[in-house]
Amino acid sequence: MNNVTGHKDLSVWQAAMELAKVIYAMTADFPKEERYGLVSQMRRAAVSVPSNIAEGAGRGSAREFHQFLTIARGSLSELETQALLARDLGFMRQSDDLMAMITRIFQMITGLQRSLK
């Protein structure tokens, strides 16, 4: 990934961008008192996933890309935990589709990491 737009061609980046949009939409209806709590944390974690994929792709080395993909996986795990908490607190409905998206992106990141070794 040597060019500036290279990350945009990655299906994992595209999926992560879609996930971030879903999280923004889902958290829009959370209680107002959660705006600076769980909403902020979930949105930050969701944005971190495609952002780290893009940053790693832009670094130009497989080693650095792998490192940023690891950070993206961490943010994805954080988001999964926050989504489960939000569900358990009754802030969102059953989140099977969301969990499937997260699992799929996690697998995509892992696969991309394997291809970099």
PDB file of N, CA and C in Angstrom:
ATOM      1  N   MET A   1       0.832  -1.186   0.000  1.00  0.00           N
ATOM      2  CA  MET A   1       0.000   0.000   0.000  1.00  0.00           C
ATOM      3  C   MET A   1       0.877   1.250   0.000  1.00  0.00           C
ATOM      4  N   ASN A   2       1.330   1.632  -1.133  1.00  0.00           N
ATOM      5  CA  ASN A   2       2.196   2.798  -1.204  1.00  0.00           C
ATOM      6  C   ASN A   2       1.460   4.071  -1.565  1.00  0.00           C
ATOM      7  N   ASN A   3       0.271   3.966  -2.147  1.00  0.00           N
ATOM      8  CA  ASN A   3      -0.415   5.199  -2.516  1.00  0.00           C
ATOM      9  C   ASN A   3      -1.443   5.603  -1.481  1.00  0.00           C
ATOM     10  N   VAL A   4      -1.840   6.843  -1.563  1.00  0.00           N
ATOM     11  CA  VAL A   4      -2.723   7.430  -0.554  1.00  0.00           C
ATOM     12  C   VAL A   4      -4.093   6.768  -0.546  1.00  0.00           C
ATOM     13  N   THR A   5      -4.595   6.339  -1.673  1.00  0.00           N
ATOM     14  CA  THR A   5      -5.943   5.787  -1.733  1.00  0.00           C
ATOM     15  C   THR A   5      -5.979   4.276  -1.591  1.00  0.00           C
ATOM     16  N   GLY A   6      -4.846   3.612  -1.408  1.00  0.00           N
ATOM     17  CA  GLY A   6      -4.789   2.169  -1.348  1.00  0.00           C
ATOM     18  C   GLY A   6      -5.697   1.539  -0.320  1.00  0.00           C
ATOM     19  N   HIS A   7      -5.807   2.149   0.846  1.00  0.00           N
ATOM     20  CA  HIS A   7      -6.646   1.568   1.897  1.00  0.00           C
ATOM     21  C   HIS A   7      -8.119   1.546   1.510  1.00  0.00           C
ATOM     22  N   LYS A   8      -8.539   2.468   0.671  1.00  0.00           N
ATOM     23  CA  LYS A   8      -9.945   2.531   0.261  1.00  0.00           C
ATOM     24  C   LYS A   8     -10.350   1.322  -0.577  1.00  0.00           C
ATOM     25  N   ASP A   9      -9.376   0.659  -1.175  1.00  0.00           N
ATOM     26  CA  ASP A   9      -9.647  -0.519  -1.989  1.00  0.00           C
ATOM     27  C   ASP A   9      -9.734  -1.799  -1.162  1.00  0.00           C
ATOM     28  N   LEU A  10      -9.357  -1.736   0.096  1.00  0.00           N
ATOM     29  CA  LEU A  10      -9.378  -2.917   0.964  1.00  0.00           C
ATOM     30  C   LEU A  10     -10.803  -3.206   1.433  1.00  0.00           C
ATOM     31  N   SER A  11     -11.262  -4.425   1.215  1.00  0.00           N
ATOM     32  CA  SER A  11     -12.618  -4.777   1.651  1.00  0.00           C
ATOM     33  C   SER A  11     -12.760  -4.691   3.165  1.00  0.00           C
ATOM     34  N   VAL A  12     -11.695  -4.950   3.897  1.00  0.00           N
ATOM     35  CA  VAL A  12     -11.760  -4.860   5.355  1.00  0.00           C
ATOM     36  C   VAL A  12     -11.954  -3.411   5.799  1.00  0.00           C
ATOM     37  N   TRP A  13     -11.308  -2.478   5.110  1.00  0.00           N
ATOM     38  CA  TRP A  13     -11.500  -1.057   5.437  1.00  0.00           C
ATOM     39  C   TRP A  13     -12.934  -0.650   5.122  1.00  0.00           C
ATOM     40  N   GLN A  14     -13.441  -1.095   3.983  1.00  0.00           N
ATOM     41  CA  GLN A  14     -14.818  -0.769   3.594  1.00  0.00           C
ATOM     42  C   GLN A  14     -15.820  -1.311   4.612  1.00  0.00           C
ATOM     43  N   ALA A  15     -15.603  -2.539   5.053  1.00  0.00           N
ATOM     44  CA  ALA A  15     -16.494  -3.148   6.051  1.00  0.00           C
ATOM     45  C   ALA A  15     -16.406  -2.408   7.376  1.00  0.00           C
ATOM     46  N   ALA A  16     -15.205  -1.996   7.757  1.00  0.00           N
ATOM     47  CA  ALA A  16     -15.025  -1.259   9.011  1.00  0.00           C
ATOM     48  C   ALA A  16     -15.688   0.114   8.942  1.00  0.00           C
ATOM     49  N   MET A  17     -15.654   0.738   7.781  1.00  0.00           N
ATOM     50  CA  MET A  17     -16.340   2.023   7.603  1.00  0.00           C
ATOM     51  C   MET A  17     -17.850   1.835   7.761  1.00  0.00           C
ATOM     52  N   GLU A  18     -18.374   0.765   7.190  1.00  0.00           N
ATOM     53  CA  GLU A  18     -19.802   0.477   7.318  1.00  0.00           C
ATOM     54  C   GLU A  18     -20.164   0.225   8.775  1.00  0.00           C
ATOM     55  N   LEU A  19     -19.317  -0.499   9.484  1.00  0.00           N
ATOM     56  CA  LEU A  19     -19.541  -0.748  10.905  1.00  0.00           C
ATOM     57  C   LEU A  19     -19.589   0.563  11.687  1.00  0.00           C
ATOM     58  N   ALA A  20     -18.692   1.473  11.406  1.00  0.00           N
ATOM     59  CA  ALA A  20     -18.682   2.762  12.108  1.00  0.00           C
ATOM     60  C   ALA A  20     -19.986   3.516  11.870  1.00  0.00           C
ATOM     61  N   LYS A  21     -20.489   3.481  10.646  1.00  0.00           N
ATOM     62  CA  LYS A  21     -21.765   4.147  10.344  1.00  0.00           C
ATOM     63  C   LYS A  21     -22.911   3.507  11.116  1.00  0.00           C
ATOM     64  N   VAL A  22     -22.890   2.170  11.189  1.00  0.00           N
ATOM     65  CA  VAL A  22     -23.925   1.454  11.939  1.00  0.00           C
ATOM     66  C   VAL A  22     -23.881   1.853  13.412  1.00  0.00           C
ATOM     67  N   ILE A  23     -22.694   1.940  13.973  1.00  0.00           N
ATOM     68  CA  ILE A  23     -22.552   2.308  15.383  1.00  0.00           C
ATOM     69  C   ILE A  23     -23.069   3.722  15.622  1.00  0.00           C
ATOM     70  N   TYR A  24     -22.747   4.641  14.743  1.00  0.00           N
ATOM     71  CA  TYR A  24     -23.264   6.010  14.884  1.00  0.00           C
ATOM     72  C   TYR A  24     -24.782   6.015  14.872  1.00  0.00           C
ATOM     73  N   ALA A  25     -25.385   5.258  13.965  1.00  0.00           N
ATOM     74  CA  ALA A  25     -26.845   5.196  13.889  1.00  0.00           C
ATOM     75  C   ALA A  25     -27.447   4.537  15.127  1.00  0.00           C
ATOM     76  N   MET A  26     -26.839   3.438  15.568  1.00  0.00           N
ATOM     77  CA  MET A  26     -27.375   2.712  16.721  1.00  0.00           C
ATOM     78  C   MET A  26     -27.291   3.529  18.007  1.00  0.00           C
ATOM     79  N   THR A  27     -26.229   4.281  18.164  1.00  0.00           N
ATOM     80  CA  THR A  27     -26.037   5.024  19.410  1.00  0.00           C
ATOM     81  C   THR A  27     -26.801   6.345  19.434  1.00  0.00           C
ATOM     82  N   ALA A  28     -27.384   6.729  18.314  1.00  0.00           N
ATOM     83  CA  ALA A  28     -28.129   7.995  18.252  1.00  0.00           C
ATOM     84  C   ALA A  28     -29.325   7.999  19.204  1.00  0.00           C
ATOM     85  N   ASP A  29     -29.868   6.821  19.479  1.00  0.00           N
ATOM     86  CA  ASP A  29     -31.054   6.726  20.335  1.00  0.00           C
ATOM     87  C   ASP A  29     -30.741   6.337  21.776  1.00  0.00           C
ATOM     88  N   PHE A  30     -29.473   6.298  22.139  1.00  0.00           N
ATOM     89  CA  PHE A  30     -29.107   5.991  23.525  1.00  0.00           C
ATOM     90  C   PHE A  30     -29.576   7.125  24.434  1.00  0.00           C
ATOM     91  N   PRO A  31     -29.730   6.853  25.724  1.00  0.00           N
ATOM     92  CA  PRO A  31     -30.123   7.920  26.656  1.00  0.00           C
ATOM     93  C   PRO A  31     -29.135   9.088  26.608  1.00  0.00           C
ATOM     94  N   LYS A  32     -29.654  10.288  26.778  1.00  0.00           N
ATOM     95  CA  LYS A  32     -28.815  11.487  26.712  1.00  0.00           C
ATOM     96  C   LYS A  32     -27.684  11.465  27.733  1.00  0.00           C
ATOM     97  N   GLU A  33     -27.929  10.871  28.886  1.00  0.00           N
ATOM     98  CA  GLU A  33     -26.884  10.835  29.915  1.00  0.00           C
ATOM     99  C   GLU A  33     -25.703   9.946  29.504  1.00  0.00           C
ATOM    100  N   GLU A  34     -25.869   9.155  28.451  1.00  0.00           N
ATOM    101  CA  GLU A  34     -24.783   8.309  27.953  1.00  0.00           C
ATOM    102  C   GLU A  34     -23.990   8.969  26.827  1.00  0.00           C
ATOM    103  N   ARG A  35     -24.387  10.184  26.436  1.00  0.00           N
ATOM    104  CA  ARG A  35     -23.731  10.863  25.310  1.00  0.00           C
ATOM    105  C   ARG A  35     -22.220  10.969  25.502  1.00  0.00           C
ATOM    106  N   TYR A  36     -21.780  11.260  26.719  1.00  0.00           N
ATOM    107  CA  TYR A  36     -20.347  11.415  26.986  1.00  0.00           C
ATOM    108  C   TYR A  36     -19.753  10.182  27.656  1.00  0.00           C
ATOM    109  N   GLY A  37     -20.542   9.141  27.747  1.00  0.00           N
ATOM    110  CA  GLY A  37     -20.083   7.890  28.326  1.00  0.00           C
ATOM    111  C   GLY A  37     -19.985   6.824  27.263  1.00  0.00           C
ATOM    112  N   LEU A  38     -20.931   5.918  27.282  1.00  0.00           N
ATOM    113  CA  LEU A  38     -20.900   4.756  26.390  1.00  0.00           C
ATOM    114  C   LEU A  38     -20.992   5.158  24.910  1.00  0.00           C
ATOM    115  N   VAL A  39     -21.805   6.142  24.593  1.00  0.00           N
ATOM    116  CA  VAL A  39     -21.929   6.582  23.193  1.00  0.00           C
ATOM    117  C   VAL A  39     -20.570   7.040  22.671  1.00  0.00           C
ATOM    118  N   SER A  40     -19.924   7.895  23.427  1.00  0.00           N
ATOM    119  CA  SER A  40     -18.622   8.426  23.017  1.00  0.00           C
ATOM    120  C   SER A  40     -17.596   7.307  22.875  1.00  0.00           C
ATOM    121  N   GLN A  41     -17.576   6.395  23.828  1.00  0.00           N
ATOM    122  CA  GLN A  41     -16.609   5.291  23.779  1.00  0.00           C
ATOM    123  C   GLN A  41     -16.852   4.368  22.604  1.00  0.00           C
ATOM    124  N   MET A  42     -18.110   4.038  22.349  1.00  0.00           N
ATOM    125  CA  MET A  42     -18.430   3.143  21.237  1.00  0.00           C
ATOM    126  C   MET A  42     -18.087   3.792  19.900  1.00  0.00           C
ATOM    127  N   ARG A  43     -18.409   5.056  19.773  1.00  0.00           N
ATOM    128  CA  ARG A  43     -18.108   5.751  18.519  1.00  0.00           C
ATOM    129  C   ARG A  43     -16.604   5.873  18.312  1.00  0.00           C
ATOM    130  N   ARG A  44     -15.890   6.181  19.360  1.00  0.00           N
ATOM    131  CA  ARG A  44     -14.431   6.310  19.254  1.00  0.00           C
ATOM    132  C   ARG A  44     -13.805   4.972  18.852  1.00  0.00           C
ATOM    133  N   ALA A  45     -14.246   3.889  19.475  1.00  0.00           N
ATOM    134  CA  ALA A  45     -13.714   2.563  19.134  1.00  0.00           C
ATOM    135  C   ALA A  45     -14.068   2.192  17.692  1.00  0.00           C
ATOM    136  N   ALA A  46     -15.299   2.499  17.278  1.00  0.00           N
ATOM    137  CA  ALA A  46     -15.730   2.174  15.919  1.00  0.00           C
ATOM    138  C   ALA A  46     -14.923   2.935  14.872  1.00  0.00           C
ATOM    139  N   VAL A  47     -14.648   4.194  15.129  1.00  0.00           N
ATOM    140  CA  VAL A  47     -13.864   5.013  14.199  1.00  0.00           C
ATOM    141  C   VAL A  47     -12.410   4.563  14.183  1.00  0.00           C
ATOM    142  N   SER A  48     -11.940   4.062  15.292  1.00  0.00           N
ATOM    143  CA  SER A  48     -10.557   3.620  15.404  1.00  0.00           C
ATOM    144  C   SER A  48     -10.238   2.440  14.486  1.00  0.00           C
ATOM    145  N   VAL A  49     -11.218   1.597  14.229  1.00  0.00           N
ATOM    146  CA  VAL A  49     -10.963   0.402  13.420  1.00  0.00           C
ATOM    147  C   VAL A  49     -10.557   0.776  11.990  1.00  0.00           C
ATOM    148  N   PRO A  50     -11.404   1.484  11.218  1.00  0.00           N
ATOM    149  CA  PRO A  50     -10.963   1.827   9.859  1.00  0.00           C
ATOM    150  C   PRO A  50      -9.798   2.814   9.851  1.00  0.00           C
ATOM    151  N   SER A  51      -9.721   3.660  10.870  1.00  0.00           N
ATOM    152  CA  SER A  51      -8.623   4.629  10.935  1.00  0.00           C
ATOM    153  C   SER A  51      -7.276   3.932  11.063  1.00  0.00           C
ATOM    154  N   ASN A  52      -7.196   2.919  11.900  1.00  0.00           N
ATOM    155  CA  ASN A  52      -5.939   2.187  12.066  1.00  0.00           C
ATOM    156  C   ASN A  52      -5.613   1.331  10.851  1.00  0.00           C
ATOM    157  N   ILE A  53      -6.629   0.802  10.199  1.00  0.00           N
ATOM    158  CA  ILE A  53      -6.386   0.064   8.956  1.00  0.00           C
ATOM    159  C   ILE A  53      -5.786   1.019   7.919  1.00  0.00           C
ATOM    160  N   ALA A  54      -6.382   2.202   7.801  1.00  0.00           N
ATOM    161  CA  ALA A  54      -5.892   3.189   6.836  1.00  0.00           C
ATOM    162  C   ALA A  54      -4.474   3.646   7.175  1.00  0.00           C
ATOM    163  N   GLU A  55      -4.236   3.931   8.451  1.00  0.00           N
ATOM    164  CA  GLU A  55      -2.903   4.398   8.839  1.00  0.00           C
ATOM    165  C   GLU A  55      -1.851   3.334   8.577  1.00  0.00           C
ATOM    166  N   GLY A  56      -2.163   2.103   8.928  1.00  0.00           N
ATOM    167  CA  GLY A  56      -1.211   1.023   8.690  1.00  0.00           C
ATOM    168  C   GLY A  56      -0.932   0.818   7.214  1.00  0.00           C
ATOM    169  N   ALA A  57      -1.980   0.881   6.403  1.00  0.00           N
ATOM    170  CA  ALA A  57      -1.803   0.719   4.958  1.00  0.00           C
ATOM    171  C   ALA A  57      -0.942   1.837   4.384  1.00  0.00           C
ATOM    172  N   GLY A  58      -1.048   3.002   4.970  1.00  0.00           N
ATOM    173  CA  GLY A  58      -0.290   4.146   4.481  1.00  0.00           C
ATOM    174  C   GLY A  58       1.150   4.190   4.938  1.00  0.00           C
ATOM    175  N   ARG A  59       1.518   3.344   5.859  1.00  0.00           N
ATOM    176  CA  ARG A  59       2.882   3.345   6.394  1.00  0.00           C
ATOM    177  C   ARG A  59       3.915   2.785   5.430  1.00  0.00           C
ATOM    178  N   GLY A  60       3.504   1.900   4.549  1.00  0.00           N
ATOM    179  CA  GLY A  60       4.425   1.420   3.532  1.00  0.00           C
ATOM    180  C   GLY A  60       5.216   0.173   3.862  1.00  0.00           C
ATOM    181  N   SER A  61       5.143  -0.321   5.084  1.00  0.00           N
ATOM    182  CA  SER A  61       5.853  -1.563   5.393  1.00  0.00           C
ATOM    183  C   SER A  61       4.868  -2.583   5.962  1.00  0.00           C
ATOM    184  N   ALA A  62       5.093  -3.826   5.613  1.00  0.00           N
ATOM    185  CA  ALA A  62       4.223  -4.908   6.079  1.00  0.00           C
ATOM    186  C   ALA A  62       4.248  -5.007   7.601  1.00  0.00           C
ATOM    187  N   ARG A  63       5.408  -4.792   8.177  1.00  0.00           N
ATOM    188  CA  ARG A  63       5.543  -4.884   9.636  1.00  0.00           C
ATOM    189  C   ARG A  63       4.683  -3.834  10.340  1.00  0.00           C
ATOM    190  N   GLU A  64       4.765  -2.605   9.858  1.00  0.00           N
ATOM    191  CA  GLU A  64       3.959  -1.536  10.476  1.00  0.00           C
ATOM    192  C   GLU A  64       2.478  -1.744  10.202  1.00  0.00           C
ATOM    193  N   PHE A  65       2.137  -2.195   9.003  1.00  0.00           N
ATOM    194  CA  PHE A  65       0.740  -2.466   8.675  1.00  0.00           C
ATOM    195  C   PHE A  65       0.193  -3.515   9.629  1.00  0.00           C
ATOM    196  N   HIS A  66       0.947  -4.572   9.858  1.00  0.00           N
ATOM    197  CA  HIS A  66       0.542  -5.639  10.779  1.00  0.00           C
ATOM    198  C   HIS A  66       0.287  -5.072  12.178  1.00  0.00           C
ATOM    199  N   GLN A  67       1.176  -4.195  12.618  1.00  0.00           N
ATOM    200  CA  GLN A  67       1.032  -3.581  13.944  1.00  0.00           C
ATOM    201  C   GLN A  67      -0.261  -2.769  14.044  1.00  0.00           C
ATOM    202  N   PHE A  68      -0.570  -1.990  13.024  1.00  0.00           N
ATOM    203  CA  PHE A  68      -1.793  -1.180  13.054  1.00  0.00           C
ATOM    204  C   PHE A  68      -3.036  -2.045  12.925  1.00  0.00           C
ATOM    205  N   LEU A  69      -2.935  -3.164  12.226  1.00  0.00           N
ATOM    206  CA  LEU A  69      -4.054  -4.105  12.176  1.00  0.00           C
ATOM    207  C   LEU A  69      -4.308  -4.711  13.550  1.00  0.00           C
ATOM    208  N   THR A  70      -3.243  -4.938  14.307  1.00  0.00           N
ATOM    209  CA  THR A  70      -3.397  -5.435  15.675  1.00  0.00           C
ATOM    210  C   THR A  70      -4.134  -4.407  16.536  1.00  0.00           C
ATOM    211  N   ILE A  71      -3.807  -3.156  16.363  1.00  0.00           N
ATOM    212  CA  ILE A  71      -4.501  -2.086  17.100  1.00  0.00           C
ATOM    213  C   ILE A  71      -5.971  -2.040  16.686  1.00  0.00           C
ATOM    214  N   ALA A  72      -6.242  -2.192  15.388  1.00  0.00           N
ATOM    215  CA  ALA A  72      -7.623  -2.213  14.898  1.00  0.00           C
ATOM    216  C   ALA A  72      -8.402  -3.372  15.520  1.00  0.00           C
ATOM    217  N   ARG A  73      -7.758  -4.544  15.633  1.00  0.00           N
ATOM    218  CA  ARG A  73      -8.410  -5.689  16.279  1.00  0.00           C
ATOM    219  C   ARG A  73      -8.730  -5.391  17.733  1.00  0.00           C
ATOM    220  N   GLY A  74      -7.818  -4.717  18.409  1.00  0.00           N
ATOM    221  CA  GLY A  74      -8.066  -4.341  19.801  1.00  0.00           C
ATOM    222  C   GLY A  74      -9.260  -3.411  19.926  1.00  0.00           C
ATOM    223  N   SER A  75      -9.343  -2.434  19.049  1.00  0.00           N
ATOM    224  CA  SER A  75     -10.485  -1.514  19.062  1.00  0.00           C
ATOM    225  C   SER A  75     -11.779  -2.256  18.760  1.00  0.00           C
ATOM    226  N   LEU A  76     -11.713  -3.224  17.865  1.00  0.00           N
ATOM    227  CA  LEU A  76     -12.887  -4.026  17.525  1.00  0.00           C
ATOM    228  C   LEU A  76     -13.351  -4.850  18.721  1.00  0.00           C
ATOM    229  N   SER A  77     -12.410  -5.412  19.457  1.00  0.00           N
ATOM    230  CA  SER A  77     -12.757  -6.165  20.671  1.00  0.00           C
ATOM    231  C   SER A  77     -13.357  -5.252  21.727  1.00  0.00           C
ATOM    232  N   GLU A  78     -12.802  -4.059  21.832  1.00  0.00           N
ATOM    233  CA  GLU A  78     -13.347  -3.066  22.760  1.00  0.00           C
ATOM    234  C   GLU A  78     -14.789  -2.722  22.374  1.00  0.00           C
ATOM    235  N   LEU A  79     -15.023  -2.489  21.091  1.00  0.00           N
ATOM    236  CA  LEU A  79     -16.363  -2.164  20.609  1.00  0.00           C
ATOM    237  C   LEU A  79     -17.338  -3.303  20.879  1.00  0.00           C
ATOM    238  N   GLU A  80     -16.900  -4.527  20.673  1.00  0.00           N
ATOM    239  CA  GLU A  80     -17.755  -5.687  20.930  1.00  0.00           C
ATOM    240  C   GLU A  80     -18.191  -5.713  22.395  1.00  0.00           C
ATOM    241  N   THR A  81     -17.252  -5.484  23.288  1.00  0.00           N
ATOM    242  CA  THR A  81     -17.552  -5.475  24.720  1.00  0.00           C
ATOM    243  C   THR A  81     -18.554  -4.363  25.057  1.00  0.00           C
ATOM    244  N   GLN A  82     -18.334  -3.198  24.503  1.00  0.00           N
ATOM    245  CA  GLN A  82     -19.220  -2.063  24.760  1.00  0.00           C
ATOM    246  C   GLN A  82     -20.618  -2.315  24.199  1.00  0.00           C
ATOM    247  N   ALA A  83     -20.701  -2.949  23.032  1.00  0.00           N
ATOM    248  CA  ALA A  83     -21.998  -3.264  22.444  1.00  0.00           C
ATOM    249  C   ALA A  83     -22.749  -4.284  23.292  1.00  0.00           C
ATOM    250  N   LEU A  84     -22.030  -5.259  23.814  1.00  0.00           N
ATOM    251  CA  LEU A  84     -22.676  -6.245  24.696  1.00  0.00           C
ATOM    252  C   LEU A  84     -23.184  -5.578  25.971  1.00  0.00           C
ATOM    253  N   LEU A  85     -22.406  -4.663  26.513  1.00  0.00           N
ATOM    254  CA  LEU A  85     -22.840  -3.930  27.695  1.00  0.00           C
ATOM    255  C   LEU A  85     -24.069  -3.075  27.385  1.00  0.00           C
ATOM    256  N   ALA A  86     -24.041  -2.379  26.267  1.00  0.00           N
ATOM    257  CA  ALA A  86     -25.174  -1.541  25.872  1.00  0.00           C
ATOM    258  C   ALA A  86     -26.439  -2.383  25.709  1.00  0.00           C
ATOM    259  N   ARG A  87     -26.282  -3.563  25.132  1.00  0.00           N
ATOM    260  CA  ARG A  87     -27.424  -4.477  24.996  1.00  0.00           C
ATOM    261  C   ARG A  87     -27.935  -4.910  26.366  1.00  0.00           C
ATOM    262  N   ASP A  88     -27.002  -5.294  27.243  1.00  0.00           N
ATOM    263  CA  ASP A  88     -27.388  -5.762  28.576  1.00  0.00           C
ATOM    264  C   ASP A  88     -28.046  -4.668  29.408  1.00  0.00           C
ATOM    265  N   LEU A  89     -27.671  -3.429  29.145  1.00  0.00           N
ATOM    266  CA  LEU A  89     -28.269  -2.290  29.845  1.00  0.00           C
ATOM    267  C   LEU A  89     -29.588  -1.848  29.223  1.00  0.00           C
ATOM    268  N   GLY A  90     -29.967  -2.467  28.116  1.00  0.00           N
ATOM    269  CA  GLY A  90     -31.226  -2.154  27.454  1.00  0.00           C
ATOM    270  C   GLY A  90     -31.168  -0.937  26.547  1.00  0.00           C
ATOM    271  N   PHE A  91     -29.978  -0.504  26.178  1.00  0.00           N
ATOM    272  CA  PHE A  91     -29.840   0.668  25.313  1.00  0.00           C
ATOM    273  C   PHE A  91     -30.025   0.327  23.838  1.00  0.00           C
ATOM    274  N   MET A  92     -29.828  -0.944  23.500  1.00  0.00           N
ATOM    275  CA  MET A  92     -30.056  -1.369  22.126  1.00  0.00           C
ATOM    276  C   MET A  92     -30.673  -2.750  22.114  1.00  0.00           C
ATOM    277  N   ARG A  93     -31.340  -3.043  21.009  1.00  0.00           N
ATOM    278  CA  ARG A  93     -31.986  -4.341  20.849  1.00  0.00           C
ATOM    279  C   ARG A  93     -30.948  -5.439  20.684  1.00  0.00           C
ATOM    280  N   GLN A  94     -31.447  -6.646  20.584  1.00  0.00           N
ATOM    281  CA  GLN A  94     -30.560  -7.778  20.323  1.00  0.00           C
ATOM    282  C   GLN A  94     -29.641  -7.422  19.168  1.00  0.00           C
ATOM    283  N   SER A  95     -28.398  -7.723  19.314  1.00  0.00           N
ATOM    284  CA  SER A  95     -27.389  -7.215  18.383  1.00  0.00           C
ATOM    285  C   SER A  95     -26.729  -8.311  17.556  1.00  0.00           C
ATOM    286  N   ASP A  96     -27.517  -9.309  17.116  1.00  0.00           N
ATOM    287  CA  ASP A  96     -26.952 -10.423  16.338  1.00  0.00           C
ATOM    288  C   ASP A  96     -26.281  -9.936  15.053  1.00  0.00           C
ATOM    289  N   ASP A  97     -26.932  -9.017  14.330  1.00  0.00           N
ATOM    290  CA  ASP A  97     -26.352  -8.506  13.089  1.00  0.00           C
ATOM    291  C   ASP A  97     -25.054  -7.750  13.361  1.00  0.00           C
ATOM    292  N   LEU A  98     -25.058  -6.954  14.415  1.00  0.00           N
ATOM    293  CA  LEU A  98     -23.865  -6.200  14.781  1.00  0.00           C
ATOM    294  C   LEU A  98     -22.739  -7.151  15.167  1.00  0.00           C
ATOM    295  N   MET A  99     -23.041  -8.159  15.963  1.00  0.00           N
ATOM    296  CA  MET A  99     -22.017  -9.124  16.370  1.00  0.00           C
ATOM    297  C   MET A  99     -21.479  -9.889  15.165  1.00  0.00           C
ATOM    298  N   ALA A 100     -22.336 -10.174  14.198  1.00  0.00           N
ATOM    299  CA  ALA A 100     -21.884 -10.852  12.979  1.00  0.00           C
ATOM    300  C   ALA A 100     -20.932  -9.949  12.190  1.00  0.00           C
ATOM    301  N   MET A 101     -21.241  -8.665  12.120  1.00  0.00           N
ATOM    302  CA  MET A 101     -20.350  -7.712  11.436  1.00  0.00           C
ATOM    303  C   MET A 101     -18.993  -7.659  12.124  1.00  0.00           C
ATOM    304  N   ILE A 102     -19.020  -7.577  13.442  1.00  0.00           N
ATOM    305  CA  ILE A 102     -17.770  -7.502  14.204  1.00  0.00           C
ATOM    306  C   ILE A 102     -16.942  -8.767  13.996  1.00  0.00           C
ATOM    307  N   THR A 103     -17.584  -9.916  14.069  1.00  0.00           N
ATOM    308  CA  THR A 103     -16.883 -11.185  13.871  1.00  0.00           C
ATOM    309  C   THR A 103     -16.281 -11.259  12.478  1.00  0.00           C
ATOM    310  N   ARG A 104     -17.051 -10.844  11.472  1.00  0.00           N
ATOM    311  CA  ARG A 104     -16.569 -10.882  10.094  1.00  0.00           C
ATOM    312  C   ARG A 104     -15.348  -9.977   9.919  1.00  0.00           C
ATOM    313  N   ILE A 105     -15.402  -8.786  10.460  1.00  0.00           N
ATOM    314  CA  ILE A 105     -14.283  -7.846  10.326  1.00  0.00           C
ATOM    315  C   ILE A 105     -13.065  -8.370  11.084  1.00  0.00           C
ATOM    316  N   PHE A 106     -13.277  -8.940  12.248  1.00  0.00           N
ATOM    317  CA  PHE A 106     -12.173  -9.528  13.009  1.00  0.00           C
ATOM    318  C   PHE A 106     -11.482 -10.604  12.170  1.00  0.00           C
ATOM    319  N   GLN A 107     -12.281 -11.450  11.528  1.00  0.00           N
ATOM    320  CA  GLN A 107     -11.727 -12.514  10.685  1.00  0.00           C
ATOM    321  C   GLN A 107     -10.982 -11.937   9.482  1.00  0.00           C
ATOM    322  N   MET A 108     -11.532 -10.880   8.900  1.00  0.00           N
ATOM    323  CA  MET A 108     -10.889 -10.238   7.752  1.00  0.00           C
ATOM    324  C   MET A 108      -9.527  -9.642   8.155  1.00  0.00           C
ATOM    325  N   ILE A 109      -9.484  -8.995   9.302  1.00  0.00           N
ATOM    326  CA  ILE A 109      -8.236  -8.416   9.776  1.00  0.00           C
ATOM    327  C   ILE A 109      -7.213  -9.523  10.020  1.00  0.00           C
ATOM    328  N   THR A 110      -7.646 -10.579  10.680  1.00  0.00           N
ATOM    329  CA  THR A 110      -6.755 -11.708  10.965  1.00  0.00           C
ATOM    330  C   THR A 110      -6.216 -12.304   9.677  1.00  0.00           C
ATOM    331  N   GLY A 111      -7.069 -12.477   8.690  1.00  0.00           N
ATOM    332  CA  GLY A 111      -6.630 -12.993   7.403  1.00  0.00           C
ATOM    333  C   GLY A 111      -5.624 -12.092   6.711  1.00  0.00           C
ATOM    334  N   LEU A 112      -5.873 -10.791   6.787  1.00  0.00           N
ATOM    335  CA  LEU A 112      -4.940  -9.840   6.190  1.00  0.00           C
ATOM    336  C   LEU A 112      -3.606  -9.877   6.917  1.00  0.00           C
ATOM    337  N   GLN A 113      -3.647  -9.999   8.240  1.00  0.00           N
ATOM    338  CA  GLN A 113      -2.393 -10.105   9.000  1.00  0.00           C
ATOM    339  C   GLN A 113      -1.602 -11.342   8.577  1.00  0.00           C
ATOM    340  N   ARG A 114      -2.280 -12.460   8.400  1.00  0.00           N
ATOM    341  CA  ARG A 114      -1.606 -13.695   7.967  1.00  0.00           C
ATOM    342  C   ARG A 114      -0.946 -13.513   6.610  1.00  0.00           C
ATOM    343  N   SER A 115      -1.613 -12.769   5.728  1.00  0.00           N
ATOM    344  CA  SER A 115      -1.064 -12.580   4.380  1.00  0.00           C
ATOM    345  C   SER A 115       0.167 -11.668   4.390  1.00  0.00           C
ATOM    346  N   LEU A 116       0.336 -10.901   5.444  1.00  0.00           N
ATOM    347  CA  LEU A 116       1.468  -9.983   5.533  1.00  0.00           C
ATOM    348  C   LEU A 116       2.733 -10.658   6.043  1.00  0.00           C
ATOM    349  N   LYS A 117       2.590 -11.827   6.649  1.00  0.00           N
ATOM    350  CA  LYS A 117       3.763 -12.510   7.228  1.00  0.00           C
ATOM    351  C   LYS A 117       4.583 -13.220   6.197  1.00  0.00           C
TER     352      LYS A 117
END
